[in-house]
Structures are given as structure tokens and as C-alpha cells.
All heavy atoms as atom14 arrays in JSON, in Angstrom:
{
  "sequence": "KRGRVLVEAARARRGTIPPADDTVPDPMGGPEQAHREAVR",
  "atom14_mask": [
    [1, 1, 1, 1, 1, 1, 1, 1, 1, 0, 0, 0, 0, 0],
    [1, 1, 1, 1, 1, 1, 1, 1, 1, 1, 1, 0, 0, 0],
    [1, 1, 1, 1, 0, 0, 0, 0, 0, 0, 0, 0, 0, 0],
    [1, 1, 1, 1, 1, 1, 1, 1, 1, 1, 1, 0, 0, 0],
    [1, 1, 1, 1, 1, 1, 1, 0, 0, 0, 0, 0, 0, 0],
    [1, 1, 1, 1, 1, 1, 1, 1, 0, 0, 0, 0, 0, 0],
    [1, 1, 1, 1, 1, 1, 1, 0, 0, 0, 0, 0, 0, 0],
    [1, 1, 1, 1, 1, 1, 1, 1, 1, 0, 0, 0, 0, 0],
    [1, 1, 1, 1, 1, 0, 0, 0, 0, 0, 0, 0, 0, 0],
    [1, 1, 1, 1, 1, 0, 0, 0, 0, 0, 0, 0, 0, 0],
    [1, 1, 1, 1, 1, 1, 1, 1, 1, 1, 1, 0, 0, 0],
    [1, 1, 1, 1, 1, 0, 0, 0, 0, 0, 0, 0, 0, 0],
    [1, 1, 1, 1, 1, 1, 1, 1, 1, 1, 1, 0, 0, 0],
    [1, 1, 1, 1, 1, 1, 1, 1, 1, 1, 1, 0, 0, 0],
    [1, 1, 1, 1, 0, 0, 0, 0, 0, 0, 0, 0, 0, 0],
    [1, 1, 1, 1, 1, 1, 1, 0, 0, 0, 0, 0, 0, 0],
    [1, 1, 1, 1, 1, 1, 1, 1, 0, 0, 0, 0, 0, 0],
    [1, 1, 1, 1, 1, 1, 1, 0, 0, 0, 0, 0, 0, 0],
    [1, 1, 1, 1, 1, 1, 1, 0, 0, 0, 0, 0, 0, 0],
    [1, 1, 1, 1, 1, 0, 0, 0, 0, 0, 0, 0, 0, 0],
    [1, 1, 1, 1, 1, 1, 1, 1, 0, 0, 0, 0, 0, 0],
    [1, 1, 1, 1, 1, 1, 1, 1, 0, 0, 0, 0, 0, 0],
    [1, 1, 1, 1, 1, 1, 1, 0, 0, 0, 0, 0, 0, 0],
    [1, 1, 1, 1, 1, 1, 1, 0, 0, 0, 0, 0, 0, 0],
    [1, 1, 1, 1, 1, 1, 1, 0, 0, 0, 0, 0, 0, 0],
    [1, 1, 1, 1, 1, 1, 1, 1, 0, 0, 0, 0, 0, 0],
    [1, 1, 1, 1, 1, 1, 1, 0, 0, 0, 0, 0, 0, 0],
    [1, 1, 1, 1, 1, 1, 1, 1, 0, 0, 0, 0, 0, 0],
    [1, 1, 1, 1, 0, 0, 0, 0, 0, 0, 0, 0, 0, 0],
    [1, 1, 1, 1, 0, 0, 0, 0, 0, 0, 0, 0, 0, 0],
    [1, 1, 1, 1, 1, 1, 1, 0, 0, 0, 0, 0, 0, 0],
    [1, 1, 1, 1, 1, 1, 1, 1, 1, 0, 0, 0, 0, 0],
    [1, 1, 1, 1, 1, 1, 1, 1, 1, 0, 0, 0, 0, 0],
    [1, 1, 1, 1, 1, 0, 0, 0, 0, 0, 0, 0, 0, 0],
    [1, 1, 1, 1, 1, 1, 1, 1, 1, 1, 0, 0, 0, 0],
    [1, 1, 1, 1, 1, 1, 1, 1, 1, 1, 1, 0, 0, 0],
    [1, 1, 1, 1, 1, 1, 1, 1, 1, 0, 0, 0, 0, 0],
    [1, 1, 1, 1, 1, 0, 0, 0, 0, 0, 0, 0, 0, 0],
    [1, 1, 1, 1, 1, 1, 1, 0, 0, 0, 0, 0, 0, 0],
    [1, 1, 1, 1, 1, 1, 1, 1, 1, 1, 1, 0, 0, 0]
  ],
  "atom14_positions": [
    [[22.36, -8.25, -4.99], [22.5, -9.7, -5.15], [21.12, -10.35, -5.28], [20.92, -11.27, -6.05], [23.25, -10.3, -3.96], [24.71, -9.92, -3.94], [25.4, -10.48, -2.72], [26.84, -9.98, -2.66], [27.49, -10.38, -1.43], [0.0, 0.0, 0.0], [0.0, 0.0, 0.0], [0.0, 0.0, 0.0], [0.0, 0.0, 0.0], [0.0, 0.0, 0.0]],
    [[20.19, -9.84, -4.52], [18.82, -10.36, -4.55], [18.22, -10.21, -5.95], [17.6, -11.13, -6.48], [17.99, -9.61, -3.52], [16.63, -10.16, -3.27], [15.98, -9.33, -2.14], [14.73, -9.88, -1.73], [14.57, -10.82, -0.82], [15.61, -11.32, -0.19], [13.38, -11.27, -0.51], [0.0, 0.0, 0.0], [0.0, 0.0, 0.0], [0.0, 0.0, 0.0]],
    [[18.42, -9.05, -6.56], [17.93, -8.83, -7.92], [18.55, -9.78, -8.91], [17.86, -10.35, -9.76], [0.0, 0.0, 0.0], [0.0, 0.0, 0.0], [0.0, 0.0, 0.0], [0.0, 0.0, 0.0], [0.0, 0.0, 0.0], [0.0, 0.0, 0.0], [0.0, 0.0, 0.0], [0.0, 0.0, 0.0], [0.0, 0.0, 0.0], [0.0, 0.0, 0.0]],
    [[19.84, -10.0, -8.79], [20.54, -10.92, -9.71], [20.04, -12.35, -9.53], [19.81, -13.07, -10.5], [22.04, -10.84, -9.5], [22.61, -9.54, -10.0], [24.11, -9.49, -9.86], [24.59, -8.24, -10.43], [25.52, -7.5, -9.89], [26.11, -7.88, -8.76], [25.9, -6.38, -10.45], [0.0, 0.0, 0.0], [0.0, 0.0, 0.0], [0.0, 0.0, 0.0]],
    [[19.89, -12.77, -8.29], [19.4, -14.12, -8.01], [17.96, -14.26, -8.5], [17.58, -15.31, -9.04], [19.53, -14.46, -6.51], [18.81, -15.74, -6.16], [21.01, -14.54, -6.11], [0.0, 0.0, 0.0], [0.0, 0.0, 0.0], [0.0, 0.0, 0.0], [0.0, 0.0, 0.0], [0.0, 0.0, 0.0], [0.0, 0.0, 0.0], [0.0, 0.0, 0.0]],
    [[17.18, -13.22, -8.35], [15.8, -13.25, -8.79], [15.72, -13.42, -10.32], [14.9, -14.19, -10.82], [15.08, -11.98, -8.35], [13.57, -12.01, -8.3], [13.07, -13.13, -7.4], [13.04, -10.68, -7.83], [0.0, 0.0, 0.0], [0.0, 0.0, 0.0], [0.0, 0.0, 0.0], [0.0, 0.0, 0.0], [0.0, 0.0, 0.0], [0.0, 0.0, 0.0]],
    [[16.57, -12.72, -11.05], [16.61, -12.89, -12.51], [17.01, -14.31, -12.86], [16.4, -14.95, -13.72], [17.56, -11.87, -13.17], [17.8, -12.21, -14.64], [17.01, -10.46, -13.03], [0.0, 0.0, 0.0], [0.0, 0.0, 0.0], [0.0, 0.0, 0.0], [0.0, 0.0, 0.0], [0.0, 0.0, 0.0], [0.0, 0.0, 0.0], [0.0, 0.0, 0.0]],
    [[18.01, -14.84, -12.19], [18.44, -16.22, -12.46], [17.32, -17.21, -12.15], [17.1, -18.17, -12.89], [19.7, -16.56, -11.65], [20.94, -15.86, -12.13], [21.28, -16.19, -13.58], [21.18, -17.36, -13.99], [21.61, -15.25, -14.31], [0.0, 0.0, 0.0], [0.0, 0.0, 0.0], [0.0, 0.0, 0.0], [0.0, 0.0, 0.0], [0.0, 0.0, 0.0]],
    [[16.64, -16.98, -11.05], [15.54, -17.88, -10.68], [14.41, -17.8, -11.71], [13.81, -18.83, -12.06], [15.02, -17.53, -9.29], [0.0, 0.0, 0.0], [0.0, 0.0, 0.0], [0.0, 0.0, 0.0], [0.0, 0.0, 0.0], [0.0, 0.0, 0.0], [0.0, 0.0, 0.0], [0.0, 0.0, 0.0], [0.0, 0.0, 0.0], [0.0, 0.0, 0.0]],
    [[14.12, -16.61, -12.19], [13.09, -16.46, -13.22], [13.5, -17.17, -14.5], [12.69, -17.85, -15.14], [12.83, -14.98, -13.48], [0.0, 0.0, 0.0], [0.0, 0.0, 0.0], [0.0, 0.0, 0.0], [0.0, 0.0, 0.0], [0.0, 0.0, 0.0], [0.0, 0.0, 0.0], [0.0, 0.0, 0.0], [0.0, 0.0, 0.0], [0.0, 0.0, 0.0]],
    [[14.77, -17.04, -14.86], [15.28, -17.75, -16.05], [15.1, -19.25, -15.9], [14.68, -19.94, -16.82], [16.76, -17.44, -16.26], [17.03, -16.06, -16.78], [18.49, -15.72, -16.74], [19.29, -16.61, -17.6], [20.6, -16.57, -17.66], [21.28, -15.71, -16.93], [21.25, -17.38, -18.45], [0.0, 0.0, 0.0], [0.0, 0.0, 0.0], [0.0, 0.0, 0.0]],
    [[15.4, -19.75, -14.72], [15.32, -21.19, -14.47], [13.88, -21.69, -14.49], [13.64, -22.87, -14.76], [15.97, -21.52, -13.13], [0.0, 0.0, 0.0], [0.0, 0.0, 0.0], [0.0, 0.0, 0.0], [0.0, 0.0, 0.0], [0.0, 0.0, 0.0], [0.0, 0.0, 0.0], [0.0, 0.0, 0.0], [0.0, 0.0, 0.0], [0.0, 0.0, 0.0]],
    [[12.93, -20.81, -14.21], [11.53, -21.22, -14.16], [10.83, -21.16, -15.51], [9.73, -21.64, -15.65], [10.78, -20.38, -13.14], [11.05, -20.91, -11.74], [10.64, -19.94, -10.68], [10.84, -20.51, -9.37], [12.01, -20.78, -8.82], [13.12, -20.54, -9.49], [12.11, -21.3, -7.6], [0.0, 0.0, 0.0], [0.0, 0.0, 0.0], [0.0, 0.0, 0.0]],
    [[11.48, -20.55, -16.49], [10.86, -20.5, -17.82], [10.6, -21.91, -18.31], [11.46, -22.77, -18.26], [11.79, -19.81, -18.81], [11.6, -18.34, -18.88], [12.35, -17.75, -20.03], [11.96, -16.37, -20.25], [12.76, -15.47, -20.75], [13.99, -15.77, -21.11], [12.33, -14.24, -20.91], [0.0, 0.0, 0.0], [0.0, 0.0, 0.0], [0.0, 0.0, 0.0]],
    [[9.38, -22.15, -18.74], [9.02, -23.46, -19.25], [8.59, -24.45, -18.18], [8.15, -25.54, -18.5], [0.0, 0.0, 0.0], [0.0, 0.0, 0.0], [0.0, 0.0, 0.0], [0.0, 0.0, 0.0], [0.0, 0.0, 0.0], [0.0, 0.0, 0.0], [0.0, 0.0, 0.0], [0.0, 0.0, 0.0], [0.0, 0.0, 0.0], [0.0, 0.0, 0.0]],
    [[8.73, -24.09, -16.92], [8.34, -25.0, -15.83], [7.02, -24.57, -15.18], [6.45, -25.33, -14.42], [9.42, -25.08, -14.74], [9.54, -23.8, -14.11], [10.76, -25.49, -15.32], [0.0, 0.0, 0.0], [0.0, 0.0, 0.0], [0.0, 0.0, 0.0], [0.0, 0.0, 0.0], [0.0, 0.0, 0.0], [0.0, 0.0, 0.0], [0.0, 0.0, 0.0]],
    [[6.6, -23.36, -15.45], [5.36, -22.82, -14.9], [4.38, -22.71, -16.06], [4.76, -22.28, -17.15], [5.62, -21.45, -14.25], [6.54, -21.62, -13.05], [4.32, -20.78, -13.84], [6.96, -20.34, -12.4], [0.0, 0.0, 0.0], [0.0, 0.0, 0.0], [0.0, 0.0, 0.0], [0.0, 0.0, 0.0], [0.0, 0.0, 0.0], [0.0, 0.0, 0.0]],
    [[3.15, -23.09, -15.84], [2.18, -23.02, -16.95], [2.17, -21.64, -17.6], [2.22, -20.62, -16.9], [0.84, -23.32, -16.28], [1.2, -24.07, -15.05], [2.54, -23.56, -14.62], [0.0, 0.0, 0.0], [0.0, 0.0, 0.0], [0.0, 0.0, 0.0], [0.0, 0.0, 0.0], [0.0, 0.0, 0.0], [0.0, 0.0, 0.0], [0.0, 0.0, 0.0]],
    [[2.14, -21.6, -18.92], [2.15, -20.31, -19.61], [0.89, -19.51, -19.31], [-0.14, -20.06, -18.93], [2.23, -20.69, -21.08], [1.71, -22.07, -21.16], [2.03, -22.72, -19.84], [0.0, 0.0, 0.0], [0.0, 0.0, 0.0], [0.0, 0.0, 0.0], [0.0, 0.0, 0.0], [0.0, 0.0, 0.0], [0.0, 0.0, 0.0], [0.0, 0.0, 0.0]],
    [[1.0, -18.22, -19.5], [-0.12, -17.32, -19.29], [-0.06, -16.24, -20.35], [0.97, -16.07, -21.02], [-0.06, -16.7, -17.9], [0.0, 0.0, 0.0], [0.0, 0.0, 0.0], [0.0, 0.0, 0.0], [0.0, 0.0, 0.0], [0.0, 0.0, 0.0], [0.0, 0.0, 0.0], [0.0, 0.0, 0.0], [0.0, 0.0, 0.0], [0.0, 0.0, 0.0]],
    [[-1.11, -15.51, -20.48], [-1.1, -14.36, -21.39], [-0.43, -13.21, -20.66], [-1.04, -12.57, -19.8], [-2.52, -14.0, -21.8], [-2.55, -12.83, -22.77], [-1.47, -12.38, -23.2], [-3.65, -12.37, -23.1], [0.0, 0.0, 0.0], [0.0, 0.0, 0.0], [0.0, 0.0, 0.0], [0.0, 0.0, 0.0], [0.0, 0.0, 0.0], [0.0, 0.0, 0.0]],
    [[0.82, -12.97, -20.98], [1.61, -11.96, -20.29], [1.6, -10.62, -21.01], [2.37, -9.72, -20.67], [3.06, -12.43, -20.13], [3.18, -13.59, -19.17], [2.44, -13.62, -18.17], [4.03, -14.47, -19.41], [0.0, 0.0, 0.0], [0.0, 0.0, 0.0], [0.0, 0.0, 0.0], [0.0, 0.0, 0.0], [0.0, 0.0, 0.0], [0.0, 0.0, 0.0]],
    [[0.76, -10.48, -22.01], [0.75, -9.22, -22.76], [0.01, -8.13, -22.0], [-0.82, -8.39, -21.14], [0.07, -9.4, -24.14], [-1.27, -9.81, -23.93], [0.81, -10.42, -24.99], [0.0, 0.0, 0.0], [0.0, 0.0, 0.0], [0.0, 0.0, 0.0], [0.0, 0.0, 0.0], [0.0, 0.0, 0.0], [0.0, 0.0, 0.0], [0.0, 0.0, 0.0]],
    [[0.37, -6.92, -22.34], [-0.38, -5.74, -21.91], [-0.95, -5.17, -23.2], [-0.21, -4.65, -24.03], [0.51, -4.7, -21.21], [-0.28, -3.44, -20.88], [1.14, -5.28, -19.95], [0.0, 0.0, 0.0], [0.0, 0.0, 0.0], [0.0, 0.0, 0.0], [0.0, 0.0, 0.0], [0.0, 0.0, 0.0], [0.0, 0.0, 0.0], [0.0, 0.0, 0.0]],
    [[-2.26, -5.3, -23.39], [-2.85, -4.8, -24.64], [-2.58, -3.3, -24.83], [-2.63, -2.53, -23.87], [-4.34, -5.06, -24.45], [-4.41, -6.16, -23.44], [-3.25, -5.93, -22.53], [0.0, 0.0, 0.0], [0.0, 0.0, 0.0], [0.0, 0.0, 0.0], [0.0, 0.0, 0.0], [0.0, 0.0, 0.0], [0.0, 0.0, 0.0], [0.0, 0.0, 0.0]],
    [[-2.25, -2.92, -26.04], [-1.98, -1.52, -26.37], [-3.3, -0.74, -26.35], [-4.18, -1.0, -27.17], [-1.34, -1.44, -27.74], [-0.92, -0.03, -28.11], [-1.18, 0.92, -27.34], [-0.31, 0.13, -29.19], [0.0, 0.0, 0.0], [0.0, 0.0, 0.0], [0.0, 0.0, 0.0], [0.0, 0.0, 0.0], [0.0, 0.0, 0.0], [0.0, 0.0, 0.0]],
    [[-3.43, 0.22, -25.45], [-4.69, 0.95, -25.35], [-4.8, 2.14, -26.31], [-5.85, 2.77, -26.38], [-4.68, 1.44, -23.91], [-3.22, 1.69, -23.64], [-2.51, 0.58, -24.38], [0.0, 0.0, 0.0], [0.0, 0.0, 0.0], [0.0, 0.0, 0.0], [0.0, 0.0, 0.0], [0.0, 0.0, 0.0], [0.0, 0.0, 0.0], [0.0, 0.0, 0.0]],
    [[-3.72, 2.45, -27.03], [-3.73, 3.64, -27.89], [-4.9, 3.6, -28.87], [-5.12, 2.61, -29.55], [-2.4, 3.78, -28.64], [-1.23, 4.06, -27.72], [-1.45, 5.49, -26.65], [-1.46, 6.8, -27.84], [0.0, 0.0, 0.0], [0.0, 0.0, 0.0], [0.0, 0.0, 0.0], [0.0, 0.0, 0.0], [0.0, 0.0, 0.0], [0.0, 0.0, 0.0]],
    [[-5.63, 4.69, -28.88], [-6.78, 4.8, -29.76], [-8.04, 4.16, -29.2], [-9.1, 4.22, -29.8], [0.0, 0.0, 0.0], [0.0, 0.0, 0.0], [0.0, 0.0, 0.0], [0.0, 0.0, 0.0], [0.0, 0.0, 0.0], [0.0, 0.0, 0.0], [0.0, 0.0, 0.0], [0.0, 0.0, 0.0], [0.0, 0.0, 0.0], [0.0, 0.0, 0.0]],
    [[-7.89, 3.51, -28.05], [-9.02, 2.83, -27.44], [-9.74, 3.71, -26.44], [-9.34, 4.84, -26.17], [0.0, 0.0, 0.0], [0.0, 0.0, 0.0], [0.0, 0.0, 0.0], [0.0, 0.0, 0.0], [0.0, 0.0, 0.0], [0.0, 0.0, 0.0], [0.0, 0.0, 0.0], [0.0, 0.0, 0.0], [0.0, 0.0, 0.0], [0.0, 0.0, 0.0]],
    [[-10.76, 3.16, -25.84], [-11.52, 3.93, -24.84], [-10.73, 4.08, -23.54], [-9.71, 3.41, -23.32], [-12.76, 3.06, -24.62], [-12.33, 1.68, -24.96], [-11.33, 1.83, -26.06], [0.0, 0.0, 0.0], [0.0, 0.0, 0.0], [0.0, 0.0, 0.0], [0.0, 0.0, 0.0], [0.0, 0.0, 0.0], [0.0, 0.0, 0.0], [0.0, 0.0, 0.0]],
    [[-11.2, 4.93, -22.69], [-10.55, 5.17, -21.39], [-10.36, 3.87, -20.62], [-9.34, 3.66, -19.96], [-11.37, 6.17, -20.58], [-10.74, 6.5, -19.24], [-11.54, 7.5, -18.43], [-12.33, 8.27, -19.01], [-11.37, 7.5, -17.21], [0.0, 0.0, 0.0], [0.0, 0.0, 0.0], [0.0, 0.0, 0.0], [0.0, 0.0, 0.0], [0.0, 0.0, 0.0]],
    [[-11.35, 2.99, -20.67], [-11.27, 1.73, -19.93], [-10.08, 0.89, -20.39], [-9.46, 0.2, -19.59], [-12.57, 0.93, -20.07], [-12.59, -0.34, -19.25], [-12.29, -0.1, -17.76], [-12.69, 0.91, -17.19], [-11.58, -1.02, -17.14], [0.0, 0.0, 0.0], [0.0, 0.0, 0.0], [0.0, 0.0, 0.0], [0.0, 0.0, 0.0], [0.0, 0.0, 0.0]],
    [[-9.73, 0.94, -21.66], [-8.57, 0.19, -22.16], [-7.29, 0.73, -21.54], [-6.38, -0.05, -21.2], [-8.51, 0.27, -23.69], [0.0, 0.0, 0.0], [0.0, 0.0, 0.0], [0.0, 0.0, 0.0], [0.0, 0.0, 0.0], [0.0, 0.0, 0.0], [0.0, 0.0, 0.0], [0.0, 0.0, 0.0], [0.0, 0.0, 0.0], [0.0, 0.0, 0.0]],
    [[-7.2, 2.04, -21.38], [-6.03, 2.64, -20.72], [-5.98, 2.25, -19.25], [-4.92, 1.93, -18.72], [-6.08, 4.17, -20.88], [-5.86, 4.62, -22.27], [-4.63, 5.0, -22.74], [-6.73, 4.74, -23.31], [-4.74, 5.34, -24.01], [-6.0, 5.2, -24.38], [0.0, 0.0, 0.0], [0.0, 0.0, 0.0], [0.0, 0.0, 0.0], [0.0, 0.0, 0.0]],
    [[-7.12, 2.28, -18.61], [-7.17, 1.89, -17.2], [-6.75, 0.43, -17.01], [-6.04, 0.1, -16.06], [-8.57, 2.1, -16.63], [-8.95, 3.55, -16.47], [-10.33, 3.69, -15.84], [-10.76, 5.06, -15.78], [-10.37, 5.93, -14.85], [-9.56, 5.54, -13.9], [-10.8, 7.17, -14.88], [0.0, 0.0, 0.0], [0.0, 0.0, 0.0], [0.0, 0.0, 0.0]],
    [[-7.17, -0.43, -17.92], [-6.81, -1.84, -17.83], [-5.31, -2.04, -18.03], [-4.67, -2.82, -17.33], [-7.61, -2.67, -18.84], [-7.28, -4.15, -18.82], [-7.58, -4.87, -17.51], [-8.22, -4.29, -16.6], [-7.15, -6.03, -17.38], [0.0, 0.0, 0.0], [0.0, 0.0, 0.0], [0.0, 0.0, 0.0], [0.0, 0.0, 0.0], [0.0, 0.0, 0.0]],
    [[-4.73, -1.31, -18.98], [-3.28, -1.41, -19.2], [-2.52, -0.96, -17.96], [-1.57, -1.62, -17.53], [-2.88, -0.57, -20.42], [0.0, 0.0, 0.0], [0.0, 0.0, 0.0], [0.0, 0.0, 0.0], [0.0, 0.0, 0.0], [0.0, 0.0, 0.0], [0.0, 0.0, 0.0], [0.0, 0.0, 0.0], [0.0, 0.0, 0.0], [0.0, 0.0, 0.0]],
    [[-2.96, 0.14, -17.37], [-2.33, 0.64, -16.14], [-2.47, -0.38, -15.02], [-1.52, -0.65, -14.28], [-2.93, 2.0, -15.73], [-2.5, 2.38, -14.31], [-2.52, 3.07, -16.72], [0.0, 0.0, 0.0], [0.0, 0.0, 0.0], [0.0, 0.0, 0.0], [0.0, 0.0, 0.0], [0.0, 0.0, 0.0], [0.0, 0.0, 0.0], [0.0, 0.0, 0.0]],
    [[-3.64, -0.99, -14.9], [-3.86, -1.99, -13.84], [-2.91, -3.18, -14.02], [-2.3, -3.64, -13.04], [-5.31, -2.48, -13.87], [-5.65, -3.44, -12.71], [-7.02, -4.05, -12.87], [-7.08, -4.99, -13.98], [-6.58, -6.24, -13.94], [-5.98, -6.7, -12.86], [-6.69, -7.03, -15.0], [0.0, 0.0, 0.0], [0.0, 0.0, 0.0], [0.0, 0.0, 0.0]]
  ]
}
């Protein structure tokens, strides 16, 4: 139930919280540090 309520709460918060860069850059072909950053 907690998981379901959490999804609903996240849905309700879309557009109400300042946007952020939520991407995880693709490290493929990049240096080791790019892979470490993606993992982090």
C-alpha cells in the first residue's frame, strides 16, 4: 500500500516541484569517470 500511495503522491507532485535535470548521462564509450558518475 505504501508503494502505491507513494506513486500516487509522486504523480500529484508533478509540476508542483521545481524541475531538475533528472537524466542519467549515457556513459557508453566514455571514460571510467563517466561510468562512475552514472552509477553514483
